[in-house]
Each structure stands twice: as C-alpha cells, then as structure tokens.
Amino acid sequence: MKAFLPTICLMFLTYFSAQAQTNVPATNPFPSISTLTTWASLNSQQQFDVAIRAVGFKFEVKEPGAESTAYTYIRKVTVNEVNYTDRIVYRITNNNSASIISLVTASTDLVSLYTPQLATFKNNNCKTEMSKDKNTTCSCYESAAFAIDLCDERVKLTMGDGNKYFVSVAKK
C-alpha cells in the first residue's frame, strides 16, 4: 500500500506534465507596444532582464560604451518548421536618463502586429539611418514620452528573398 500512493501521484504528475508540454504554443508572443514602452521606462537593466526572460529571451552579451551600455538578448523560435533567432537589445544611458529597446526578427511580421497598436501615436517623417536604405520601409511614430520606429527590411537570403522586421522604442 505504501508504494501504491507514490505510484499514483507519479502517474498524475507525468500525465499533467505531458499535457502542459503539448499545450505550449509553437511561437512565443512578442511584447505589445504598451509593454515595450513600460520596459523602456524602467531605466534598469536588472528589471528588464527579469521581464524579457518571461517571454523566452536569454541574455547573450553586454556591450559597454562611452555614453550608454547595450544588453543583447536572443531566443530561438521555430515557425512552420523554419528556425529563426529573435534579438532584442536594451540600451540604457550611463546616467539612466533614457533607454532604447530594439527588437529584430524575421519570424513574425512586426509591421502588421504593431501598426494597429500605434493608432494613438503621431505619425512622423522618418529621419533614421534605416529609413534611408532603399531596401527598408519605415514608419515613425511619436508620443509625448516615446519615439517608435517600425521598419521592414528586404534581405537577400541564400534560398531567396526574405524580410527582417525592426521595432525601436526610445524613451525621450
């Protein structure tokens, strides 16, 4: 009888563990514009680190600079049996006065995902370096506290053309 109860518990644990694994979505969702602006307002890499790991990103590299420090995180995703690497960079000024979050992916159309979320932002003419590239289409938005660039870059891949998507959220 003593072995019976642990065996039953182990069977339930195995069953529910298998159920949890099969119900996991194939791709991790991207943070909303609201979440990105909240993260850009943190002015703390430690708080950002906790938040970004919750959506599947892992720390990759820290790049200190004269005026700011960049922290790069990556995650590997598979969409329709194609492997992608998503990258997010959190750059914070050394005096914690401003921060920029840049998200780069080829796994999801960020333009379609984020454009409806930017309806309350003012649309501006883009003056970023990316927008000057003939292979890149950018839309730039602004609010009282943030500047957001949303870009779609056509890239030449070894097996054809593809798209790379960028969103950059800068706290003013």
Protein backbone atom coordinates (compact mmCIF):
# COMPACT_ATOMS: atom_id res chain seq x y z
CA MET A 1 0.00 0.00 0.00
CA LYS A 2 2.90 2.37 0.76
CA ALA A 3 4.18 2.01 -2.83
CA PHE A 4 0.69 2.44 -4.30
CA LEU A 5 0.16 6.11 -3.30
CA PRO A 6 3.53 7.37 -4.65
CA THR A 7 2.93 5.43 -7.88
CA ILE A 8 -0.49 7.06 -8.37
CA CYS A 9 0.99 10.51 -7.63
CA LEU A 10 3.80 9.88 -10.11
CA MET A 11 1.28 8.85 -12.80
CA PHE A 12 -0.76 12.05 -12.29
CA LEU A 13 2.38 14.17 -12.34
CA THR A 14 3.54 12.52 -15.58
CA TYR A 15 0.13 12.92 -17.20
CA PHE A 16 -0.28 16.60 -16.31
CA SER A 17 3.32 17.36 -17.23
CA ALA A 18 2.78 15.83 -20.69
CA GLN A 19 -0.46 17.82 -21.10
CA ALA A 20 1.30 21.07 -20.22
CA GLN A 21 4.01 20.39 -22.79
CA THR A 22 1.58 19.64 -25.61
CA ASN A 23 -0.43 22.82 -24.99
CA VAL A 24 2.54 25.18 -25.34
CA PRO A 25 2.10 27.42 -28.42
CA ALA A 26 4.58 26.93 -31.29
CA THR A 27 5.81 30.52 -31.13
CA ASN A 28 6.30 32.87 -28.22
CA PRO A 29 4.29 36.07 -28.47
CA PHE A 30 6.02 39.38 -28.90
CA PRO A 31 5.55 42.08 -26.27
CA SER A 32 2.92 44.71 -27.03
CA ILE A 33 3.79 48.37 -27.66
CA SER A 34 2.45 49.09 -24.18
CA THR A 35 4.84 46.51 -22.71
CA LEU A 36 7.79 47.84 -24.75
CA THR A 37 7.15 51.42 -23.55
CA THR A 38 6.85 50.16 -19.97
CA TRP A 39 10.17 48.35 -20.32
CA ALA A 40 11.80 51.43 -21.84
CA SER A 41 10.61 53.40 -18.81
CA LEU A 42 12.27 51.04 -16.34
CA ASN A 43 15.76 52.56 -16.66
CA SER A 44 17.04 49.38 -15.03
CA GLN A 45 18.73 46.50 -16.82
CA GLN A 46 18.04 44.23 -13.86
CA GLN A 47 14.27 44.81 -14.08
CA PHE A 48 14.37 44.49 -17.88
CA ASP A 49 16.29 41.21 -17.54
CA VAL A 50 13.52 39.67 -15.43
CA ALA A 51 10.78 40.91 -17.80
CA ILE A 52 12.44 39.76 -21.03
CA ARG A 53 13.22 36.29 -19.76
CA ALA A 54 9.48 35.82 -19.13
CA VAL A 55 8.87 35.87 -22.92
CA GLY A 56 11.65 33.41 -23.70
CA PHE A 57 14.70 35.59 -24.35
CA LYS A 58 18.08 34.72 -22.86
CA PHE A 59 20.98 37.08 -22.15
CA GLU A 60 23.68 36.99 -24.83
CA VAL A 61 26.12 39.89 -24.48
CA LYS A 62 26.80 43.21 -22.72
CA GLU A 63 28.45 45.98 -24.76
CA PRO A 64 29.63 48.96 -22.69
CA GLY A 65 30.01 52.28 -24.48
CA ALA A 66 31.08 55.82 -23.68
CA GLU A 67 27.54 57.14 -23.20
CA SER A 68 25.40 54.01 -22.98
CA THR A 69 25.51 50.28 -22.38
CA ALA A 70 23.72 47.75 -24.61
CA TYR A 71 22.42 44.39 -23.38
CA THR A 72 21.51 41.90 -26.11
CA TYR A 73 19.12 39.01 -25.59
CA ILE A 74 18.18 36.26 -28.06
CA ARG A 75 15.64 33.48 -28.40
CA LYS A 76 15.36 30.68 -30.92
CA VAL A 77 11.90 30.03 -32.37
CA THR A 78 10.58 27.64 -34.99
CA VAL A 79 7.70 28.75 -37.19
CA ASN A 80 6.35 26.36 -39.85
CA GLU A 81 9.44 24.18 -39.39
CA VAL A 82 11.80 27.12 -40.09
CA ASN A 83 14.26 28.18 -37.37
CA TYR A 84 14.66 31.87 -36.51
CA THR A 85 16.68 33.86 -34.00
CA ASP A 86 14.88 36.83 -32.48
CA ARG A 87 17.06 39.55 -30.95
CA ILE A 88 16.19 42.31 -28.52
CA VAL A 89 18.63 44.99 -27.41
CA TYR A 90 18.15 47.12 -24.33
CA ARG A 91 20.36 50.20 -24.47
CA ILE A 92 20.46 52.47 -21.43
CA THR A 93 22.40 55.70 -20.98
CA ASN A 94 25.09 55.51 -18.34
CA ASN A 95 23.28 58.15 -16.26
CA ASN A 96 19.93 56.25 -16.57
CA SER A 97 18.26 59.24 -18.25
CA ALA A 98 16.96 57.42 -21.34
CA SER A 99 16.67 53.96 -22.80
CA ILE A 100 16.01 52.32 -26.16
CA ILE A 101 14.63 48.88 -26.84
CA SER A 102 15.21 47.43 -30.31
CA LEU A 103 13.55 44.20 -31.40
CA VAL A 104 14.68 42.42 -34.60
CA THR A 105 13.05 39.32 -36.08
CA ALA A 106 12.27 37.53 -39.30
CA SER A 107 9.84 35.12 -37.63
CA THR A 108 6.83 37.45 -37.39
CA ASP A 109 5.55 40.43 -39.39
CA LEU A 110 6.01 43.13 -36.77
CA VAL A 111 4.54 45.81 -39.07
CA SER A 112 1.15 44.06 -39.11
CA LEU A 113 1.43 43.26 -35.40
CA TYR A 114 2.38 46.73 -34.15
CA THR A 115 0.77 49.21 -36.60
CA PRO A 116 -2.75 48.86 -35.11
CA GLN A 117 -1.27 49.35 -31.62
CA LEU A 118 0.23 52.69 -32.71
CA ALA A 119 -3.08 54.33 -33.65
CA THR A 120 -2.84 56.81 -30.76
CA PHE A 121 0.70 57.88 -31.70
CA LYS A 122 1.50 60.73 -34.09
CA ASN A 123 2.94 59.54 -37.43
CA ASN A 124 6.16 61.42 -38.37
CA ASN A 125 8.57 61.56 -41.27
CA CYS A 126 11.37 59.10 -40.62
CA LYS A 127 14.86 60.52 -40.36
CA THR A 128 16.61 57.41 -39.06
CA GLU A 129 19.53 55.76 -40.83
CA MET A 130 17.47 52.65 -41.52
CA SER A 131 14.78 54.64 -43.32
CA LYS A 132 17.36 55.96 -45.81
CA ASP A 133 18.12 52.44 -47.07
CA LYS A 134 16.30 51.71 -50.34
CA ASN A 135 15.55 48.15 -49.18
CA THR A 136 13.90 49.30 -45.95
CA THR A 137 10.46 50.74 -45.40
CA CYS A 138 9.97 52.55 -42.09
CA SER A 139 7.12 54.25 -40.31
CA CYS A 140 7.97 56.51 -37.40
CA TYR A 141 5.65 57.41 -34.55
CA GLU A 142 5.85 59.75 -31.60
CA SER A 143 4.09 60.47 -28.34
CA ALA A 144 4.95 62.89 -25.57
CA ALA A 145 7.27 60.35 -23.94
CA PHE A 146 8.40 57.96 -26.71
CA ALA A 147 9.67 57.75 -30.29
CA ILE A 148 8.92 54.49 -32.09
CA ASP A 149 10.37 53.33 -35.42
CA LEU A 150 8.79 50.36 -37.16
CA CYS A 151 10.71 49.01 -40.17
CA ASP A 152 10.51 46.23 -42.74
CA GLU A 153 13.79 45.40 -44.45
CA ARG A 154 14.01 43.22 -47.54
CA VAL A 155 17.03 40.93 -47.15
CA LYS A 156 18.70 38.64 -49.65
CA LEU A 157 18.83 35.10 -48.29
CA THR A 158 20.75 32.14 -49.67
CA MET A 159 17.49 30.48 -50.71
CA GLY A 160 15.58 33.58 -51.88
CA ASP A 161 14.34 36.85 -50.50
CA GLY A 162 13.05 37.39 -47.02
CA ASN A 163 12.05 40.14 -44.66
CA LYS A 164 13.58 41.29 -41.41
CA TYR A 165 11.45 43.40 -39.09
CA PHE A 166 12.60 46.02 -36.59
CA VAL A 167 10.83 47.96 -33.89
CA SER A 168 12.68 50.52 -31.82
CA VAL A 169 11.13 52.19 -28.77
CA ALA A 170 13.09 55.14 -27.41
CA LYS A 171 12.23 56.93 -24.21
CA LYS A 172 12.63 60.68 -24.72
